[in-house]
Amino acid sequence: MTTVQDHVALAEIELCGELMIAASATEAERLSPDRIDEVLKVSAAARTPSGGPSGTPLTP
């Protein structure tokens, strides 16, 4: 039996896990965009005018 790994999917799952850990460690109701960028290792300068990384709009 051959196993196939989707490295992109695994990376996305890891990033989601990091966000969940950060969210559970904060006392605030939501993570700030700056904290999300910090967790995802995205610089604020790399964010697009739409508000999200790579043109992905942020949702409330």
C-alpha atoms as a PDB file:
ATOM      1  CA  MET A   1       0.000   0.000   0.000  1.00  0.00           C
ATOM      2  CA  THR A   2       1.344   3.409  -0.986  1.00  0.00           C
ATOM      3  CA  THR A   3       0.703   6.414   1.214  1.00  0.00           C
ATOM      4  CA  VAL A   4       0.404   9.853  -0.292  1.00  0.00           C
ATOM      5  CA  GLN A   5       1.027  12.999   1.699  1.00  0.00           C
ATOM      6  CA  ASP A   6      -0.320  16.369   0.681  1.00  0.00           C
ATOM      7  CA  HIS A   7       2.361  18.684   2.071  1.00  0.00           C
ATOM      8  CA  VAL A   8       0.292  21.815   1.449  1.00  0.00           C
ATOM      9  CA  ALA A   9      -2.666  20.379   3.360  1.00  0.00           C
ATOM     10  CA  LEU A  10      -0.390  19.302   6.209  1.00  0.00           C
ATOM     11  CA  ALA A  11       1.104  22.812   6.407  1.00  0.00           C
ATOM     12  CA  GLU A  12      -2.377  24.357   6.479  1.00  0.00           C
ATOM     13  CA  ILE A  13      -3.444  22.002   9.264  1.00  0.00           C
ATOM     14  CA  GLU A  14      -0.338  22.953  11.243  1.00  0.00           C
ATOM     15  CA  LEU A  15      -1.083  26.672  10.801  1.00  0.00           C
ATOM     16  CA  CYS A  16      -4.687  26.147  11.921  1.00  0.00           C
ATOM     17  CA  GLY A  17      -3.389  24.360  14.994  1.00  0.00           C
ATOM     18  CA  GLU A  18      -1.054  27.270  15.768  1.00  0.00           C
ATOM     19  CA  LEU A  19      -3.986  29.684  15.470  1.00  0.00           C
ATOM     20  CA  MET A  20      -6.115  27.541  17.795  1.00  0.00           C
ATOM     21  CA  ILE A  21      -3.323  27.434  20.367  1.00  0.00           C
ATOM     22  CA  ALA A  22      -2.900  31.217  20.170  1.00  0.00           C
ATOM     23  CA  ALA A  23      -6.662  31.769  20.442  1.00  0.00           C
ATOM     24  CA  SER A  24      -6.951  29.526  23.484  1.00  0.00           C
ATOM     25  CA  ALA A  25      -4.063  31.355  25.181  1.00  0.00           C
ATOM     26  CA  THR A  26      -5.570  34.831  24.839  1.00  0.00           C
ATOM     27  CA  GLU A  27      -8.064  36.436  27.182  1.00  0.00           C
ATOM     28  CA  ALA A  28      -9.502  38.566  24.386  1.00  0.00           C
ATOM     29  CA  GLU A  29     -12.621  37.532  22.503  1.00  0.00           C
ATOM     30  CA  ARG A  30     -10.697  37.416  19.209  1.00  0.00           C
ATOM     31  CA  LEU A  31      -7.131  37.469  17.982  1.00  0.00           C
ATOM     32  CA  SER A  32      -6.094  40.822  16.550  1.00  0.00           C
ATOM     33  CA  PRO A  33      -4.966  40.930  12.931  1.00  0.00           C
ATOM     34  CA  ASP A  34      -1.452  41.728  14.178  1.00  0.00           C
ATOM     35  CA  ARG A  35      -1.441  38.651  16.439  1.00  0.00           C
ATOM     36  CA  ILE A  36      -2.723  36.470  13.589  1.00  0.00           C
ATOM     37  CA  ASP A  37       0.085  37.782  11.374  1.00  0.00           C
ATOM     38  CA  GLU A  38       2.579  37.027  14.144  1.00  0.00           C
ATOM     39  CA  VAL A  39       1.318  33.454  14.566  1.00  0.00           C
ATOM     40  CA  LEU A  40       1.286  32.849  10.807  1.00  0.00           C
ATOM     41  CA  LYS A  41       4.679  34.555  10.432  1.00  0.00           C
ATOM     42  CA  VAL A  42       3.284  37.113   7.982  1.00  0.00           C
ATOM     43  CA  SER A  43       4.613  40.663   8.080  1.00  0.00           C
ATOM     44  CA  ALA A  44       2.063  43.464   8.220  1.00  0.00           C
ATOM     45  CA  ALA A  45       3.737  44.975   5.144  1.00  0.00           C
ATOM     46  CA  ALA A  46       2.913  41.811   3.175  1.00  0.00           C
ATOM     47  CA  ARG A  47      -0.798  42.221   3.824  1.00  0.00           C
ATOM     48  CA  THR A  48      -2.791  43.494   0.877  1.00  0.00           C
ATOM     49  CA  PRO A  49      -5.210  46.445   0.963  1.00  0.00           C
ATOM     50  CA  SER A  50      -8.090  43.962   1.190  1.00  0.00           C
ATOM     51  CA  GLY A  51      -6.970  43.171   4.718  1.00  0.00           C
ATOM     52  CA  GLY A  52      -5.861  39.572   4.398  1.00  0.00           C
ATOM     53  CA  PRO A  53      -2.698  37.845   3.317  1.00  0.00           C
ATOM     54  CA  SER A  54      -2.490  37.081  -0.411  1.00  0.00           C
ATOM     55  CA  GLY A  55      -5.690  38.985  -1.151  1.00  0.00           C
ATOM     56  CA  THR A  56      -7.859  36.883   1.161  1.00  0.00           C
ATOM     57  CA  PRO A  57     -10.395  39.196   2.807  1.00  0.00           C
ATOM     58  CA  LEU A  58     -10.674  38.927   6.565  1.00  0.00           C
ATOM     59  CA  THR A  59     -14.060  37.805   7.832  1.00  0.00           C
ATOM     60  CA  PRO A  60     -15.498  38.902  11.170  1.00  0.00           C
END
